[in-house]
């Protein structure tokens, strides 16, 4: 059964990723000015850091479930164009496979 744990600022809608997928809230860069110039949202690079909001139960391998190494609350690095972007309750999230996560921060 999927873990439906949510953090305080999470969605009102219960979302449970399937298999070896995780749901990530992107952590935005706080810097909007570079050298005194304003950088519009369309020119900014996609964030590559996020916080895990929900975790699936894990994948099956040879009829045995392999548990997830990631957990809710982990801060992670992921590939620039990894996963699928979804909007839930007017908030942007990213759903990606555990294998798309490159590293856990701190």
PDB file of N, CA and C in Angstrom:
ATOM      1  N   UNK A   1       0.844  -1.178   0.000  1.00  0.00           N
ATOM      2  CA  UNK A   1       0.000   0.000   0.000  1.00  0.00           C
ATOM      3  C   UNK A   1       0.884   1.234   0.000  1.00  0.00           C
ATOM      4  N   UNK A   2       0.540   2.229  -0.751  1.00  0.00           N
ATOM      5  CA  UNK A   2       1.329   3.447  -0.881  1.00  0.00           C
ATOM      6  C   UNK A   2       1.241   4.281   0.379  1.00  0.00           C
ATOM      7  N   UNK A   3       2.333   4.968   0.661  1.00  0.00           N
ATOM      8  CA  UNK A   3       2.361   5.871   1.791  1.00  0.00           C
ATOM      9  C   UNK A   3       1.748   7.193   1.371  1.00  0.00           C
ATOM     10  N   UNK A   4       0.760   7.670   2.115  1.00  0.00           N
ATOM     11  CA  UNK A   4       0.076   8.908   1.772  1.00  0.00           C
ATOM     12  C   UNK A   4       0.430  10.009   2.760  1.00  0.00           C
ATOM     13  N   UNK A   5       1.664  10.004   3.221  1.00  0.00           N
ATOM     14  CA  UNK A   5       2.109  10.988   4.190  1.00  0.00           C
ATOM     15  C   UNK A   5       2.285  12.335   3.502  1.00  0.00           C
ATOM     16  N   UNK A   6       1.880  13.381   4.190  1.00  0.00           N
ATOM     17  CA  UNK A   6       2.001  14.717   3.625  1.00  0.00           C
ATOM     18  C   UNK A   6       2.636  15.642   4.635  1.00  0.00           C
ATOM     19  N   UNK A   7       3.388  16.637   4.157  1.00  0.00           N
ATOM     20  CA  UNK A   7       3.955  17.633   5.043  1.00  0.00           C
ATOM     21  C   UNK A   7       2.924  18.721   5.307  1.00  0.00           C
ATOM     22  N   UNK A   8       3.255  19.657   6.200  1.00  0.00           N
ATOM     23  CA  UNK A   8       2.310  20.694   6.601  1.00  0.00           C
ATOM     24  C   UNK A   8       1.813  21.538   5.431  1.00  0.00           C
ATOM     25  N   UNK A   9       2.723  21.895   4.510  1.00  0.00           N
ATOM     26  CA  UNK A   9       2.330  22.773   3.407  1.00  0.00           C
ATOM     27  C   UNK A   9       1.973  21.983   2.158  1.00  0.00           C
ATOM     28  N   UNK A  10       1.611  20.749   2.320  1.00  0.00           N
ATOM     29  CA  UNK A  10       1.302  19.896   1.187  1.00  0.00           C
ATOM     30  C   UNK A  10      -0.120  20.150   0.682  1.00  0.00           C
ATOM     31  N   UNK A  11      -0.541  19.321  -0.245  1.00  0.00           N
ATOM     32  CA  UNK A  11      -1.841  19.502  -0.862  1.00  0.00           C
ATOM     33  C   UNK A  11      -2.968  19.048   0.046  1.00  0.00           C
ATOM     34  N   UNK A  12      -4.184  19.533  -0.238  1.00  0.00           N
ATOM     35  CA  UNK A  12      -5.375  19.064   0.466  1.00  0.00           C
ATOM     36  C   UNK A  12      -5.839  17.744  -0.126  1.00  0.00           C
ATOM     37  N   UNK A  13      -5.465  17.480  -1.366  1.00  0.00           N
ATOM     38  CA  UNK A  13      -5.833  16.264  -2.064  1.00  0.00           C
ATOM     39  C   UNK A  13      -4.819  15.174  -1.727  1.00  0.00           C
ATOM     40  N   UNK A  14      -5.296  13.991  -1.410  1.00  0.00           N
ATOM     41  CA  UNK A  14      -4.395  12.873  -1.121  1.00  0.00           C
ATOM     42  C   UNK A  14      -3.868  12.317  -2.439  1.00  0.00           C
ATOM     43  N   UNK A  15      -2.547  12.235  -2.555  1.00  0.00           N
ATOM     44  CA  UNK A  15      -1.908  11.713  -3.761  1.00  0.00           C
ATOM     45  C   UNK A  15      -0.948  10.613  -3.332  1.00  0.00           C
ATOM     46  N   UNK A  16      -1.068   9.462  -3.956  1.00  0.00           N
ATOM     47  CA  UNK A  16      -0.200   8.333  -3.643  1.00  0.00           C
ATOM     48  C   UNK A  16       0.474   7.857  -4.925  1.00  0.00           C
ATOM     49  N   UNK A  17       1.774   8.145  -5.090  1.00  0.00           N
ATOM     50  CA  UNK A  17       2.478   7.658  -6.272  1.00  0.00           C
ATOM     51  C   UNK A  17       2.471   6.131  -6.318  1.00  0.00           C
ATOM     52  N   UNK A  18       2.484   5.582  -7.506  1.00  0.00           N
ATOM     53  CA  UNK A  18       2.486   4.140  -7.693  1.00  0.00           C
ATOM     54  C   UNK A  18       3.907   3.629  -7.902  1.00  0.00           C
ATOM     55  N   UNK A  19       4.100   2.352  -7.625  1.00  0.00           N
ATOM     56  CA  UNK A  19       5.346   1.650  -7.898  1.00  0.00           C
ATOM     57  C   UNK A  19       6.543   2.374  -7.283  1.00  0.00           C
ATOM     58  N   UNK A  20       7.576   2.635  -8.086  1.00  0.00           N
ATOM     59  CA  UNK A  20       8.797   3.262  -7.572  1.00  0.00           C
ATOM     60  C   UNK A  20       8.847   4.754  -7.912  1.00  0.00           C
ATOM     61  N   UNK A  21       7.707   5.404  -7.843  1.00  0.00           N
ATOM     62  CA  UNK A  21       7.642   6.833  -8.157  1.00  0.00           C
ATOM     63  C   UNK A  21       7.577   7.669  -6.882  1.00  0.00           C
ATOM     64  N   UNK A  22       8.068   8.897  -6.986  1.00  0.00           N
ATOM     65  CA  UNK A  22       8.005   9.856  -5.888  1.00  0.00           C
ATOM     66  C   UNK A  22       7.402  11.156  -6.398  1.00  0.00           C
ATOM     67  N   UNK A  23       6.767  11.900  -5.510  1.00  0.00           N
ATOM     68  CA  UNK A  23       6.202  13.201  -5.845  1.00  0.00           C
ATOM     69  C   UNK A  23       7.075  14.261  -5.182  1.00  0.00           C
ATOM     70  N   UNK A  24       7.547  15.223  -5.979  1.00  0.00           N
ATOM     71  CA  UNK A  24       8.512  16.212  -5.522  1.00  0.00           C
ATOM     72  C   UNK A  24       7.960  17.615  -5.710  1.00  0.00           C
ATOM     73  N   UNK A  25       8.164  18.470  -4.712  1.00  0.00           N
ATOM     74  CA  UNK A  25       7.875  19.900  -4.846  1.00  0.00           C
ATOM     75  C   UNK A  25       9.209  20.573  -5.124  1.00  0.00           C
ATOM     76  N   UNK A  26       9.312  21.257  -6.257  1.00  0.00           N
ATOM     77  CA  UNK A  26      10.557  21.907  -6.650  1.00  0.00           C
ATOM     78  C   UNK A  26      10.870  23.049  -5.695  1.00  0.00           C
ATOM     79  N   UNK A  27      12.152  23.167  -5.334  1.00  0.00           N
ATOM     80  CA  UNK A  27      12.608  24.277  -4.510  1.00  0.00           C
ATOM     81  C   UNK A  27      13.103  25.363  -5.453  1.00  0.00           C
ATOM     82  N   UNK A  28      12.432  26.497  -5.424  1.00  0.00           N
ATOM     83  CA  UNK A  28      12.761  27.595  -6.334  1.00  0.00           C
ATOM     84  C   UNK A  28      14.007  28.338  -5.867  1.00  0.00           C
ATOM     85  N   UNK A  29      14.776  28.842  -6.822  1.00  0.00           N
ATOM     86  CA  UNK A  29      15.911  29.701  -6.501  1.00  0.00           C
ATOM     87  C   UNK A  29      15.379  31.028  -6.001  1.00  0.00           C
ATOM     88  N   UNK A  30      16.013  31.572  -4.950  1.00  0.00           N
ATOM     89  CA  UNK A  30      15.553  32.834  -4.399  1.00  0.00           C
ATOM     90  C   UNK A  30      16.111  34.024  -5.171  1.00  0.00           C
ATOM     91  N   UNK A  31      17.149  33.816  -5.961  1.00  0.00           N
ATOM     92  CA  UNK A  31      17.773  34.899  -6.711  1.00  0.00           C
ATOM     93  C   UNK A  31      16.976  35.221  -7.969  1.00  0.00           C
ATOM     94  N   UNK A  32      16.487  36.472  -8.070  1.00  0.00           N
ATOM     95  CA  UNK A  32      15.765  36.890  -9.262  1.00  0.00           C
ATOM     96  C   UNK A  32      16.519  37.976 -10.022  1.00  0.00           C
ATOM     97  N   UNK A  33      17.523  38.543  -9.391  1.00  0.00           N
ATOM     98  CA  UNK A  33      18.299  39.593 -10.045  1.00  0.00           C
ATOM     99  C   UNK A  33      19.722  39.080 -10.239  1.00  0.00           C
ATOM    100  N   UNK A  34      20.255  39.265 -11.431  1.00  0.00           N
ATOM    101  CA  UNK A  34      21.626  38.875 -11.718  1.00  0.00           C
ATOM    102  C   UNK A  34      22.316  40.063 -12.351  1.00  0.00           C
ATOM    103  N   UNK A  35      23.257  40.657 -11.652  1.00  0.00           N
ATOM    104  CA  UNK A  35      23.953  41.815 -12.187  1.00  0.00           C
ATOM    105  C   UNK A  35      23.035  43.003 -12.397  1.00  0.00           C
ATOM    106  N   UNK A  36      21.974  43.102 -11.586  1.00  0.00           N
ATOM    107  CA  UNK A  36      21.052  44.218 -11.691  1.00  0.00           C
ATOM    108  C   UNK A  36      19.977  44.037 -12.750  1.00  0.00           C
ATOM    109  N   UNK A  37      19.977  42.917 -13.463  1.00  0.00           N
ATOM    110  CA  UNK A  37      18.982  42.666 -14.496  1.00  0.00           C
ATOM    111  C   UNK A  37      17.942  41.684 -13.996  1.00  0.00           C
ATOM    112  N   UNK A  38      16.687  41.951 -14.300  1.00  0.00           N
ATOM    113  CA  UNK A  38      15.606  41.048 -13.927  1.00  0.00           C
ATOM    114  C   UNK A  38      15.541  39.917 -14.938  1.00  0.00           C
ATOM    115  N   UNK A  39      15.470  38.682 -14.443  1.00  0.00           N
ATOM    116  CA  UNK A  39      15.386  37.513 -15.319  1.00  0.00           C
ATOM    117  C   UNK A  39      13.946  37.017 -15.297  1.00  0.00           C
ATOM    118  N   UNK A  40      13.237  37.079 -16.433  1.00  0.00           N
ATOM    119  CA  UNK A  40      11.839  36.615 -16.452  1.00  0.00           C
ATOM    120  C   UNK A  40      11.746  35.111 -16.227  1.00  0.00           C
ATOM    121  N   UNK A  41      10.586  34.654 -15.743  1.00  0.00           N
ATOM    122  CA  UNK A  41      10.369  33.240 -15.455  1.00  0.00           C
ATOM    123  C   UNK A  41      10.616  32.354 -16.669  1.00  0.00           C
ATOM    124  N   UNK A  42      10.304  32.855 -17.855  1.00  0.00           N
ATOM    125  CA  UNK A  42      10.467  32.042 -19.057  1.00  0.00           C
ATOM    126  C   UNK A  42      11.931  31.807 -19.407  1.00  0.00           C
ATOM    127  N   UNK A  43      12.834  32.655 -18.910  1.00  0.00           N
ATOM    128  CA  UNK A  43      14.257  32.510 -19.211  1.00  0.00           C
ATOM    129  C   UNK A  43      15.016  31.771 -18.121  1.00  0.00           C
ATOM    130  N   UNK A  44      14.388  31.515 -16.996  1.00  0.00           N
ATOM    131  CA  UNK A  44      15.058  30.825 -15.895  1.00  0.00           C
ATOM    132  C   UNK A  44      15.218  29.351 -16.207  1.00  0.00           C
ATOM    133  N   UNK A  45      16.277  28.775 -15.656  1.00  0.00           N
ATOM    134  CA  UNK A  45      16.470  27.330 -15.801  1.00  0.00           C
ATOM    135  C   UNK A  45      15.510  26.606 -14.873  1.00  0.00           C
ATOM    136  N   UNK A  46      15.156  25.391 -15.255  1.00  0.00           N
ATOM    137  CA  UNK A  46      14.278  24.585 -14.412  1.00  0.00           C
ATOM    138  C   UNK A  46      15.025  24.216 -13.135  1.00  0.00           C
ATOM    139  N   UNK A  47      14.333  24.217 -12.002  1.00  0.00           N
ATOM    140  CA  UNK A  47      15.014  23.830 -10.762  1.00  0.00           C
ATOM    141  C   UNK A  47      15.403  22.363 -10.802  1.00  0.00           C
ATOM    142  N   UNK A  48      16.481  22.036 -10.110  1.00  0.00           N
ATOM    143  CA  UNK A  48      16.953  20.662 -10.075  1.00  0.00           C
ATOM    144  C   UNK A  48      16.982  20.128  -8.653  1.00  0.00           C
ATOM    145  N   UNK A  49      16.420  20.884  -7.711  1.00  0.00           N
ATOM    146  CA  UNK A  49      16.328  20.458  -6.328  1.00  0.00           C
ATOM    147  C   UNK A  49      14.882  20.437  -5.911  1.00  0.00           C
ATOM    148  N   UNK A  50      14.546  19.530  -5.005  1.00  0.00           N
ATOM    149  CA  UNK A  50      13.180  19.483  -4.526  1.00  0.00           C
ATOM    150  C   UNK A  50      13.064  18.717  -3.228  1.00  0.00           C
ATOM    151  N   UNK A  51      11.859  18.770  -2.666  1.00  0.00           N
ATOM    152  CA  UNK A  51      11.554  18.050  -1.438  1.00  0.00           C
ATOM    153  C   UNK A  51      10.519  16.983  -1.761  1.00  0.00           C
ATOM    154  N   UNK A  52      10.755  15.776  -1.285  1.00  0.00           N
ATOM    155  CA  UNK A  52       9.833  14.677  -1.549  1.00  0.00           C
ATOM    156  C   UNK A  52       8.590  14.840  -0.679  1.00  0.00           C
ATOM    157  N   UNK A  53       7.422  14.837  -1.333  1.00  0.00           N
ATOM    158  CA  UNK A  53       6.132  15.027  -0.669  1.00  0.00           C
ATOM    159  C   UNK A  53       5.437  13.686  -0.427  1.00  0.00           C
ATOM    160  N   UNK A  54       5.581  12.752  -1.360  1.00  0.00           N
ATOM    161  CA  UNK A  54       4.941  11.436  -1.235  1.00  0.00           C
ATOM    162  C   UNK A  54       5.816  10.396  -1.922  1.00  0.00           C
ATOM    163  N   UNK A  55       5.747   9.155  -1.425  1.00  0.00           N
ATOM    164  CA  UNK A  55       6.584   8.064  -1.917  1.00  0.00           C
ATOM    165  C   UNK A  55       5.706   6.858  -2.209  1.00  0.00           C
ATOM    166  N   UNK A  56       5.968   6.198  -3.332  1.00  0.00           N
ATOM    167  CA  UNK A  56       5.254   4.969  -3.666  1.00  0.00           C
ATOM    168  C   UNK A  56       5.765   3.795  -2.835  1.00  0.00           C
ATOM    169  N   UNK A  57       5.131   2.637  -2.968  1.00  0.00           N
ATOM    170  CA  UNK A  57       5.495   1.479  -2.155  1.00  0.00           C
ATOM    171  C   UNK A  57       6.769   0.761  -2.610  1.00  0.00           C
ATOM    172  N   UNK A  58       7.229   1.002  -3.818  1.00  0.00           N
ATOM    173  CA  UNK A  58       8.415   0.326  -4.336  1.00  0.00           C
ATOM    174  C   UNK A  58       8.061  -0.519  -5.543  1.00  0.00           C
ATOM    175  N   UNK A  59       9.083  -0.981  -6.252  1.00  0.00           N
ATOM    176  CA  UNK A  59       8.868  -1.763  -7.473  1.00  0.00           C
ATOM    177  C   UNK A  59       8.935  -3.259  -7.160  1.00  0.00           C
ATOM    178  N   UNK A  60       8.393  -4.046  -8.082  1.00  0.00           N
ATOM    179  CA  UNK A  60       8.485  -5.501  -7.973  1.00  0.00           C
ATOM    180  C   UNK A  60       9.662  -5.987  -8.794  1.00  0.00           C
ATOM    181  N   UNK A  61      10.433  -6.896  -8.222  1.00  0.00           N
ATOM    182  CA  UNK A  61      11.548  -7.510  -8.925  1.00  0.00           C
ATOM    183  C   UNK A  61      11.536  -8.988  -8.590  1.00  0.00           C
ATOM    184  N   UNK A  62      11.281  -9.835  -9.583  1.00  0.00           N
ATOM    185  CA  UNK A  62      11.184 -11.285  -9.400  1.00  0.00           C
ATOM    186  C   UNK A  62      10.139 -11.632  -8.325  1.00  0.00           C
ATOM    187  N   UNK A  63       8.961 -11.048  -8.451  1.00  0.00           N
ATOM    188  CA  UNK A  63       7.813 -11.299  -7.565  1.00  0.00           C
ATOM    189  C   UNK A  63       8.042 -10.863  -6.122  1.00  0.00           C
ATOM    190  N   UNK A  64       9.052 -10.042  -5.877  1.00  0.00           N
ATOM    191  CA  UNK A  64       9.319  -9.516  -4.536  1.00  0.00           C
ATOM    192  C   UNK A  64       9.351  -7.999  -4.610  1.00  0.00           C
ATOM    193  N   UNK A  65       8.668  -7.345  -3.670  1.00  0.00           N
ATOM    194  CA  UNK A  65       8.670  -5.885  -3.660  1.00  0.00           C
ATOM    195  C   UNK A  65       9.994  -5.368  -3.089  1.00  0.00           C
ATOM    196  N   UNK A  66      10.647  -4.480  -3.849  1.00  0.00           N
ATOM    197  CA  UNK A  66      11.886  -3.849  -3.416  1.00  0.00           C
ATOM    198  C   UNK A  66      11.496  -2.511  -2.771  1.00  0.00           C
ATOM    199  N   UNK A  67      11.773  -2.323  -1.479  1.00  0.00           N
ATOM    200  CA  UNK A  67      11.353  -1.091  -0.805  1.00  0.00           C
ATOM    201  C   UNK A  67      12.109   0.135  -1.331  1.00  0.00           C
ATOM    202  N   UNK A  68      11.496   1.296  -1.158  1.00  0.00           N
ATOM    203  CA  UNK A  68      12.085   2.556  -1.611  1.00  0.00           C
ATOM    204  C   UNK A  68      13.235   2.969  -0.687  1.00  0.00           C
ATOM    205  N   UNK A  69      14.272   3.576  -1.273  1.00  0.00           N
ATOM    206  CA  UNK A  69      15.383   4.105  -0.484  1.00  0.00           C
ATOM    207  C   UNK A  69      15.098   5.534  -0.042  1.00  0.00           C
ATOM    208  N   UNK A  70      14.161   6.198  -0.719  1.00  0.00           N
ATOM    209  CA  UNK A  70      13.824   7.587  -0.414  1.00  0.00           C
ATOM    210  C   UNK A  70      12.636   7.635   0.537  1.00  0.00           C
ATOM    211  N   UNK A  71      12.523   8.743   1.263  1.00  0.00           N
ATOM    212  CA  UNK A  71      11.385   8.888   2.172  1.00  0.00           C
ATOM    213  C   UNK A  71      10.866  10.319   2.116  1.00  0.00           C
ATOM    214  N   UNK A  72       9.657  10.513   2.620  1.00  0.00           N
ATOM    215  CA  UNK A  72       9.026  11.830   2.642  1.00  0.00           C
ATOM    216  C   UNK A  72       9.894  12.791   3.449  1.00  0.00           C
ATOM    217  N   UNK A  73      10.103  13.987   2.897  1.00  0.00           N
ATOM    218  CA  UNK A  73      10.903  15.005   3.572  1.00  0.00           C
ATOM    219  C   UNK A  73      12.333  15.091   3.079  1.00  0.00           C
ATOM    220  N   UNK A  74      12.804  14.086   2.331  1.00  0.00           N
ATOM    221  CA  UNK A  74      14.162  14.124   1.790  1.00  0.00           C
ATOM    222  C   UNK A  74      14.283  15.260   0.783  1.00  0.00           C
ATOM    223  N   UNK A  75      15.413  15.979   0.826  1.00  0.00           N
ATOM    224  CA  UNK A  75      15.728  16.970  -0.209  1.00  0.00           C
ATOM    225  C   UNK A  75      16.603  16.267  -1.226  1.00  0.00           C
ATOM    226  N   UNK A  76      16.234  16.375  -2.499  1.00  0.00           N
ATOM    227  CA  UNK A  76      16.912  15.596  -3.530  1.00  0.00           C
ATOM    228  C   UNK A  76      17.322  16.461  -4.718  1.00  0.00           C
ATOM    229  N   UNK A  77      18.290  15.949  -5.480  1.00  0.00           N
ATOM    230  CA  UNK A  77      18.690  16.501  -6.768  1.00  0.00           C
ATOM    231  C   UNK A  77      18.175  15.558  -7.839  1.00  0.00           C
ATOM    232  N   UNK A  78      17.658  16.110  -8.930  1.00  0.00           N
ATOM    233  CA  UNK A  78      17.153  15.285 -10.019  1.00  0.00           C
ATOM    234  C   UNK A  78      17.525  15.925 -11.343  1.00  0.00           C
ATOM    235  N   UNK A  79      17.426  15.156 -12.416  1.00  0.00           N
ATOM    236  CA  UNK A  79      17.779  15.637 -13.748  1.00  0.00           C
ATOM    237  C   UNK A  79      16.890  16.786 -14.195  1.00  0.00           C
ATOM    238  N   UNK A  80      17.441  17.657 -15.011  1.00  0.00           N
ATOM    239  CA  UNK A  80      16.747  18.862 -15.466  1.00  0.00           C
ATOM    240  C   UNK A  80      15.412  18.575 -16.134  1.00  0.00           C
ATOM    241  N   UNK A  81      15.345  17.546 -16.945  1.00  0.00           N
ATOM    242  CA  UNK A  81      14.131  17.261 -17.706  1.00  0.00           C
ATOM    243  C   UNK A  81      13.509  15.922 -17.292  1.00  0.00           C
ATOM    244  N   UNK A  82      13.707  15.522 -16.047  1.00  0.00           N
ATOM    245  CA  UNK A  82      13.180  14.252 -15.542  1.00  0.00           C
ATOM    246  C   UNK A  82      11.725  14.377 -15.136  1.00  0.00           C
ATOM    247  N   UNK A  83      11.009  13.277 -15.189  1.00  0.00           N
ATOM    248  CA  UNK A  83       9.661  13.190 -14.643  1.00  0.00           C
ATOM    249  C   UNK A  83       8.592  13.906 -15.431  1.00  0.00           C
ATOM    250  N   UNK A  84       7.404  13.950 -14.817  1.00  0.00           N
ATOM    251  CA  UNK A  84       6.239  14.594 -15.403  1.00  0.00           C
ATOM    252  C   UNK A  84       5.741  15.678 -14.476  1.00  0.00           C
ATOM    253  N   UNK A  85       5.520  16.866 -15.030  1.00  0.00           N
ATOM    254  CA  UNK A  85       4.991  17.969 -14.225  1.00  0.00           C
ATOM    255  C   UNK A  85       3.481  17.837 -14.109  1.00  0.00           C
ATOM    256  N   UNK A  86       2.959  18.021 -12.900  1.00  0.00           N
ATOM    257  CA  UNK A  86       1.523  17.984 -12.656  1.00  0.00           C
ATOM    258  C   UNK A  86       1.142  19.172 -11.783  1.00  0.00           C
ATOM    259  N   UNK A  87      -0.103  19.619 -11.924  1.00  0.00           N
ATOM    260  CA  UNK A  87      -0.628  20.694 -11.092  1.00  0.00           C
ATOM    261  C   UNK A  87      -1.771  20.137 -10.264  1.00  0.00           C
ATOM    262  N   UNK A  88      -1.647  20.256  -8.951  1.00  0.00           N
ATOM    263  CA  UNK A  88      -2.675  19.778  -8.029  1.00  0.00           C
ATOM    264  C   UNK A  88      -2.961  20.918  -7.059  1.00  0.00           C
ATOM    265  N   UNK A  89      -4.231  21.280  -6.928  1.00  0.00           N
ATOM    266  CA  UNK A  89      -4.643  22.395  -6.059  1.00  0.00           C
ATOM    267  C   UNK A  89      -3.850  23.660  -6.374  1.00  0.00           C
ATOM    268  N   UNK A  90      -3.678  23.964  -7.665  1.00  0.00           N
ATOM    269  CA  UNK A  90      -2.971  25.151  -8.143  1.00  0.00           C
ATOM    270  C   UNK A  90      -1.508  25.209  -7.711  1.00  0.00           C
ATOM    271  N   UNK A  91      -0.892  24.078  -7.450  1.00  0.00           N
ATOM    272  CA  UNK A  91       0.519  24.030  -7.087  1.00  0.00           C
ATOM    273  C   UNK A  91       1.223  23.032  -7.999  1.00  0.00           C
ATOM    274  N   UNK A  92       2.423  23.396  -8.466  1.00  0.00           N
ATOM    275  CA  UNK A  92       3.185  22.558  -9.397  1.00  0.00           C
ATOM    276  C   UNK A  92       3.977  21.499  -8.642  1.00  0.00           C
ATOM    277  N   UNK A  93       3.932  20.262  -9.126  1.00  0.00           N
ATOM    278  CA  UNK A  93       4.699  19.156  -8.572  1.00  0.00           C
ATOM    279  C   UNK A  93       5.345  18.399  -9.715  1.00  0.00           C
ATOM    280  N   UNK A  94       6.259  17.521  -9.367  1.00  0.00           N
ATOM    281  CA  UNK A  94       6.944  16.682 -10.333  1.00  0.00           C
ATOM    282  C   UNK A  94       6.834  15.243  -9.841  1.00  0.00           C
ATOM    283  N   UNK A  95       6.402  14.343 -10.713  1.00  0.00           N
ATOM    284  CA  UNK A  95       6.355  12.930 -10.375  1.00  0.00           C
ATOM    285  C   UNK A  95       7.430  12.237 -11.200  1.00  0.00           C
ATOM    286  N   UNK A  96       8.358  11.569 -10.499  1.00  0.00           N
ATOM    287  CA  UNK A  96       9.444  10.905 -11.200  1.00  0.00           C
ATOM    288  C   UNK A  96       9.780   9.571 -10.550  1.00  0.00           C
ATOM    289  N   UNK A  97      10.512   8.748 -11.272  1.00  0.00           N
ATOM    290  CA  UNK A  97      10.918   7.449 -10.762  1.00  0.00           C
ATOM    291  C   UNK A  97      12.071   7.627  -9.783  1.00  0.00           C
ATOM    292  N   UNK A  98      12.186   6.685  -8.875  1.00  0.00           N
ATOM    293  CA  UNK A  98      13.279   6.728  -7.898  1.00  0.00           C
ATOM    294  C   UNK A  98      14.635   6.752  -8.616  1.00  0.00           C
ATOM    295  N   UNK A  99      14.743   6.062  -9.727  1.00  0.00           N
ATOM    296  CA  UNK A  99      16.002   6.010 -10.473  1.00  0.00           C
ATOM    297  C   UNK A  99      16.370   7.352 -11.114  1.00  0.00           C
ATOM    298  N   UNK A 100      15.386   8.272 -11.274  1.00  0.00           N
ATOM    299  CA  UNK A 100      15.655   9.599 -11.823  1.00  0.00           C
ATOM    300  C   UNK A 100      16.251  10.549 -10.782  1.00  0.00           C
ATOM    301  N   UNK A 101      16.189  10.172  -9.508  1.00  0.00           N
ATOM    302  CA  UNK A 101      16.771  10.976  -8.446  1.00  0.00           C
ATOM    303  C   UNK A 101      18.277  10.722  -8.450  1.00  0.00           C
ATOM    304  N   UNK A 102      19.058  11.808  -8.529  1.00  0.00           N
ATOM    305  CA  UNK A 102      20.501  11.691  -8.634  1.00  0.00           C
ATOM    306  C   UNK A 102      21.187  11.599  -7.269  1.00  0.00           C
ATOM    307  N   UNK A 103      20.665  12.343  -6.268  1.00  0.00           N
ATOM    308  CA  UNK A 103      21.311  12.371  -4.956  1.00  0.00           C
ATOM    309  C   UNK A 103      20.349  12.905  -3.910  1.00  0.00           C
ATOM    310  N   UNK A 104      20.627  12.554  -2.659  1.00  0.00           N
ATOM    311  CA  UNK A 104      19.908  13.111  -1.515  1.00  0.00           C
ATOM    312  C   UNK A 104      20.821  14.158  -0.891  1.00  0.00           C
ATOM    313  N   UNK A 105      20.263  15.345  -0.602  1.00  0.00           N
ATOM    314  CA  UNK A 105      21.044  16.445  -0.032  1.00  0.00           C
ATOM    315  C   UNK A 105      20.976  16.380   1.487  1.00  0.00           C
ATOM    316  N   UNK A 106      22.141  16.419   2.115  1.00  0.00           N
ATOM    317  CA  UNK A 106      22.296  16.523   3.565  1.00  0.00           C
ATOM    318  C   UNK A 106      21.515  15.562   4.316  1.00  0.00           C
TER     319      UNK A 106
END
